Amino acid sequence: MKQTPPNGTAEQHVREIRRQTRKKYSAEEKIRIVISGLRGEHSIAEPCRREGIAESMYYVWSKEFMEADIGHGCCRTTDRATSRVTWPTGSAAAA
């Protein structure tokens, strides 16, 4: 079955095909990949190569993971108004 040529250049057509066939990772897959990087057994590049993702994507997921964990009071938080990083103290730090 022959498709009609797209409006635009061949480069735009290739980009559209890549966009449609891009792998979508579930939340569980993202967490598994981020945790494997956080273990520190290998460089961040290793799990990224293994999973076929860019290191920049790993860092985006890692940031999302840490921000989601902030609601549980066990990780550092950032004051968005001043961009200062604070760490939990007292009973929250011991948890």
N, C-alpha and C. Protein backbone atom coordinates (compact mmCIF):
# COMPACT_ATOMS: atom_id res chain seq x y z
N MET A 1 0.84 -1.16 0.00
CA MET A 1 0.00 0.00 0.00
C MET A 1 0.89 1.23 0.00
N LYS A 2 0.68 2.08 -0.94
CA LYS A 2 1.51 3.28 -1.09
C LYS A 2 0.82 4.47 -0.43
N GLN A 3 1.59 5.20 0.34
CA GLN A 3 1.05 6.38 1.00
C GLN A 3 1.32 7.61 0.16
N THR A 4 0.46 8.59 0.30
CA THR A 4 0.69 9.83 -0.41
C THR A 4 1.81 10.59 0.26
N PRO A 5 2.62 11.30 -0.51
CA PRO A 5 3.74 12.04 0.10
C PRO A 5 3.22 13.12 1.04
N PRO A 6 3.92 13.35 2.15
CA PRO A 6 3.49 14.37 3.12
C PRO A 6 3.76 15.77 2.57
N ASN A 7 3.03 16.72 3.12
CA ASN A 7 3.30 18.12 2.79
C ASN A 7 4.55 18.52 3.55
N GLY A 8 5.57 18.94 2.86
CA GLY A 8 6.81 19.34 3.52
C GLY A 8 7.98 18.54 2.99
N THR A 9 9.10 18.66 3.66
CA THR A 9 10.32 18.03 3.21
C THR A 9 10.43 16.60 3.71
N ALA A 10 11.38 15.88 3.16
CA ALA A 10 11.64 14.52 3.60
C ALA A 10 12.10 14.52 5.06
N GLU A 11 12.86 15.54 5.45
CA GLU A 11 13.33 15.64 6.84
C GLU A 11 12.16 15.76 7.80
N GLN A 12 11.16 16.54 7.45
CA GLN A 12 9.97 16.68 8.29
C GLN A 12 9.23 15.35 8.39
N HIS A 13 9.18 14.62 7.27
CA HIS A 13 8.51 13.32 7.26
C HIS A 13 9.24 12.33 8.18
N VAL A 14 10.56 12.32 8.12
CA VAL A 14 11.35 11.43 8.98
C VAL A 14 11.13 11.79 10.44
N ARG A 15 11.12 13.08 10.77
CA ARG A 15 10.88 13.51 12.15
C ARG A 15 9.51 13.05 12.65
N GLU A 16 8.52 13.14 11.79
CA GLU A 16 7.17 12.73 12.17
C GLU A 16 7.11 11.22 12.42
N ILE A 17 7.78 10.43 11.60
CA ILE A 17 7.82 8.98 11.80
C ILE A 17 8.51 8.65 13.12
N ARG A 18 9.64 9.30 13.40
CA ARG A 18 10.35 9.06 14.65
C ARG A 18 9.50 9.43 15.85
N ARG A 19 8.76 10.54 15.75
CA ARG A 19 7.91 10.97 16.85
C ARG A 19 6.82 9.94 17.12
N GLN A 20 6.25 9.40 16.08
CA GLN A 20 5.17 8.43 16.24
C GLN A 20 5.66 7.08 16.75
N THR A 21 6.91 6.74 16.49
CA THR A 21 7.42 5.43 16.90
C THR A 21 8.30 5.50 18.14
N ARG A 22 8.37 6.66 18.77
CA ARG A 22 9.18 6.83 19.97
C ARG A 22 8.65 5.96 21.10
N LYS A 23 9.54 5.35 21.84
CA LYS A 23 9.14 4.49 22.96
C LYS A 23 8.61 5.34 24.09
N LYS A 24 7.53 4.90 24.66
CA LYS A 24 6.96 5.57 25.82
C LYS A 24 7.23 4.71 27.05
N TYR A 25 7.82 5.31 28.07
CA TYR A 25 8.19 4.60 29.29
C TYR A 25 7.11 4.80 30.35
N SER A 26 6.75 3.71 31.02
CA SER A 26 5.78 3.81 32.11
C SER A 26 6.48 4.43 33.32
N ALA A 27 5.69 4.84 34.30
CA ALA A 27 6.26 5.41 35.51
C ALA A 27 7.15 4.39 36.21
N GLU A 28 6.75 3.12 36.20
CA GLU A 28 7.54 2.08 36.85
C GLU A 28 8.89 1.91 36.15
N GLU A 29 8.89 1.97 34.81
CA GLU A 29 10.15 1.84 34.07
C GLU A 29 11.08 3.01 34.38
N LYS A 30 10.51 4.22 34.42
CA LYS A 30 11.32 5.40 34.72
C LYS A 30 11.94 5.30 36.11
N ILE A 31 11.15 4.87 37.09
CA ILE A 31 11.65 4.73 38.45
C ILE A 31 12.77 3.71 38.50
N ARG A 32 12.57 2.57 37.82
CA ARG A 32 13.59 1.52 37.80
C ARG A 32 14.90 2.04 37.21
N ILE A 33 14.81 2.81 36.13
CA ILE A 33 16.01 3.35 35.48
C ILE A 33 16.70 4.37 36.39
N VAL A 34 15.91 5.26 37.00
CA VAL A 34 16.49 6.28 37.89
C VAL A 34 17.15 5.63 39.09
N ILE A 35 16.51 4.65 39.68
CA ILE A 35 17.09 3.98 40.85
C ILE A 35 18.37 3.26 40.48
N SER A 36 18.41 2.67 39.28
CA SER A 36 19.65 1.99 38.87
C SER A 36 20.80 2.99 38.76
N GLY A 37 20.50 4.22 38.35
CA GLY A 37 21.53 5.26 38.29
C GLY A 37 21.92 5.76 39.66
N LEU A 38 20.95 5.82 40.57
CA LEU A 38 21.22 6.32 41.92
C LEU A 38 22.04 5.34 42.76
N ARG A 39 22.02 4.08 42.40
CA ARG A 39 22.80 3.09 43.15
C ARG A 39 24.29 3.39 43.10
N GLY A 40 24.74 4.01 42.01
CA GLY A 40 26.13 4.40 41.90
C GLY A 40 27.08 3.28 41.53
N GLU A 41 26.56 2.12 41.13
CA GLU A 41 27.42 1.01 40.74
C GLU A 41 28.15 1.30 39.43
N HIS A 42 27.52 2.07 38.57
CA HIS A 42 28.08 2.44 37.27
C HIS A 42 27.85 3.93 37.06
N SER A 43 28.44 4.46 36.01
CA SER A 43 28.18 5.85 35.67
C SER A 43 26.74 5.96 35.16
N ILE A 44 26.22 7.16 35.11
CA ILE A 44 24.86 7.39 34.61
C ILE A 44 24.77 6.96 33.15
N ALA A 45 25.86 7.06 32.43
CA ALA A 45 25.86 6.70 31.01
C ALA A 45 25.50 5.24 30.79
N GLU A 46 25.88 4.36 31.72
CA GLU A 46 25.64 2.92 31.56
C GLU A 46 24.15 2.59 31.48
N PRO A 47 23.32 2.96 32.48
CA PRO A 47 21.90 2.64 32.35
C PRO A 47 21.24 3.37 31.16
N CYS A 48 21.74 4.55 30.83
CA CYS A 48 21.19 5.29 29.69
C CYS A 48 21.46 4.54 28.38
N ARG A 49 22.69 4.05 28.22
CA ARG A 49 23.01 3.25 27.02
C ARG A 49 22.18 1.98 26.98
N ARG A 50 22.09 1.31 28.11
CA ARG A 50 21.36 0.05 28.19
C ARG A 50 19.89 0.24 27.82
N GLU A 51 19.28 1.34 28.26
CA GLU A 51 17.87 1.59 28.03
C GLU A 51 17.59 2.38 26.75
N GLY A 52 18.64 2.91 26.14
CA GLY A 52 18.47 3.66 24.90
C GLY A 52 17.88 5.04 25.10
N ILE A 53 18.26 5.69 26.20
CA ILE A 53 17.78 7.06 26.46
C ILE A 53 18.96 8.01 26.56
N ALA A 54 18.69 9.28 26.33
CA ALA A 54 19.72 10.30 26.47
C ALA A 54 19.94 10.59 27.96
N GLU A 55 21.16 10.96 28.31
CA GLU A 55 21.45 11.29 29.71
C GLU A 55 20.58 12.46 30.18
N SER A 56 20.28 13.39 29.29
CA SER A 56 19.43 14.52 29.68
C SER A 56 18.05 14.04 30.10
N MET A 57 17.53 13.00 29.42
CA MET A 57 16.22 12.44 29.79
C MET A 57 16.30 11.79 31.17
N TYR A 58 17.42 11.10 31.43
CA TYR A 58 17.62 10.50 32.76
C TYR A 58 17.54 11.58 33.84
N TYR A 59 18.22 12.70 33.62
CA TYR A 59 18.24 13.75 34.63
C TYR A 59 16.86 14.39 34.81
N VAL A 60 16.08 14.50 33.74
CA VAL A 60 14.71 15.01 33.86
C VAL A 60 13.89 14.06 34.73
N TRP A 61 13.99 12.76 34.45
CA TRP A 61 13.25 11.77 35.24
C TRP A 61 13.73 11.77 36.69
N SER A 62 15.04 11.90 36.89
CA SER A 62 15.60 11.91 38.23
C SER A 62 15.05 13.11 39.02
N LYS A 63 14.99 14.25 38.38
CA LYS A 63 14.46 15.45 39.04
C LYS A 63 12.99 15.24 39.40
N GLU A 64 12.22 14.67 38.49
CA GLU A 64 10.80 14.40 38.76
C GLU A 64 10.66 13.42 39.93
N PHE A 65 11.51 12.41 39.95
CA PHE A 65 11.50 11.41 41.01
C PHE A 65 11.77 12.07 42.36
N MET A 66 12.79 12.92 42.42
CA MET A 66 13.15 13.59 43.67
C MET A 66 12.05 14.56 44.10
N GLU A 67 11.46 15.28 43.15
CA GLU A 67 10.40 16.22 43.50
C GLU A 67 9.17 15.49 44.00
N ALA A 68 8.87 14.33 43.44
CA ALA A 68 7.73 13.54 43.91
C ALA A 68 7.99 13.02 45.31
N ASP A 69 9.24 12.73 45.62
CA ASP A 69 9.61 12.20 46.92
C ASP A 69 9.61 13.27 48.00
N ILE A 70 9.68 14.53 47.61
CA ILE A 70 9.70 15.64 48.57
C ILE A 70 8.43 15.66 49.40
N GLY A 71 7.31 15.29 48.80
CA GLY A 71 6.04 15.28 49.51
C GLY A 71 6.05 14.35 50.70
N HIS A 72 6.98 13.40 50.74
CA HIS A 72 7.07 12.45 51.84
C HIS A 72 8.02 12.95 52.92
N GLY A 73 8.66 14.10 52.72
CA GLY A 73 9.50 14.70 53.74
C GLY A 73 10.83 14.02 53.97
N CYS A 74 11.31 13.25 53.01
CA CYS A 74 12.56 12.54 53.26
C CYS A 74 13.71 13.07 52.41
N CYS A 75 13.47 14.00 51.55
CA CYS A 75 14.53 14.53 50.69
C CYS A 75 14.60 16.05 50.83
N ARG A 76 15.62 16.60 50.21
CA ARG A 76 15.78 18.04 50.27
C ARG A 76 14.66 18.73 49.48
N THR A 77 14.42 19.98 49.82
CA THR A 77 13.44 20.79 49.10
C THR A 77 14.11 22.07 48.65
N THR A 78 13.53 22.68 47.65
CA THR A 78 14.06 23.94 47.15
C THR A 78 12.99 25.00 47.32
N ASP A 79 13.36 26.11 47.93
CA ASP A 79 12.48 27.25 48.04
C ASP A 79 12.48 27.93 46.69
N ARG A 80 11.39 27.84 45.96
CA ARG A 80 11.36 28.34 44.58
C ARG A 80 11.56 29.86 44.49
N ALA A 81 11.17 30.59 45.55
CA ALA A 81 11.31 32.04 45.52
C ALA A 81 12.77 32.45 45.59
N THR A 82 13.58 31.71 46.36
CA THR A 82 14.98 32.10 46.54
C THR A 82 15.96 31.11 45.94
N SER A 83 15.46 29.96 45.46
CA SER A 83 16.29 28.88 44.91
C SER A 83 17.29 28.33 45.92
N ARG A 84 16.98 28.47 47.21
CA ARG A 84 17.84 27.90 48.24
C ARG A 84 17.41 26.48 48.53
N VAL A 85 18.39 25.62 48.70
CA VAL A 85 18.11 24.21 49.01
C VAL A 85 18.11 24.06 50.51
N THR A 86 17.07 23.39 51.02
CA THR A 86 17.00 23.13 52.45
C THR A 86 16.84 21.63 52.66
N TRP A 87 17.31 21.14 53.79
CA TRP A 87 17.21 19.73 54.12
C TRP A 87 16.29 19.60 55.31
N PRO A 88 15.53 18.51 55.37
CA PRO A 88 14.63 18.33 56.51
C PRO A 88 15.41 18.23 57.82
N THR A 89 14.81 18.73 58.86
CA THR A 89 15.47 18.68 60.17
C THR A 89 14.52 18.02 61.16
N GLY A 90 15.03 17.67 62.31
CA GLY A 90 14.19 17.10 63.37
C GLY A 90 13.68 15.72 63.03
N SER A 91 12.42 15.47 63.34
CA SER A 91 11.85 14.14 63.17
C SER A 91 11.73 13.76 61.69
N ALA A 92 11.55 14.72 60.80
CA ALA A 92 11.47 14.41 59.37
C ALA A 92 12.80 13.88 58.85
N ALA A 93 13.91 14.39 59.37
CA ALA A 93 15.23 13.94 58.93
C ALA A 93 15.52 12.54 59.43
N ALA A 94 15.00 12.19 60.58
CA ALA A 94 15.24 10.87 61.14
C ALA A 94 14.40 9.78 60.49
N ALA A 95 13.34 10.18 59.80
CA ALA A 95 12.42 9.20 59.19
C ALA A 95 13.03 8.48 58.02
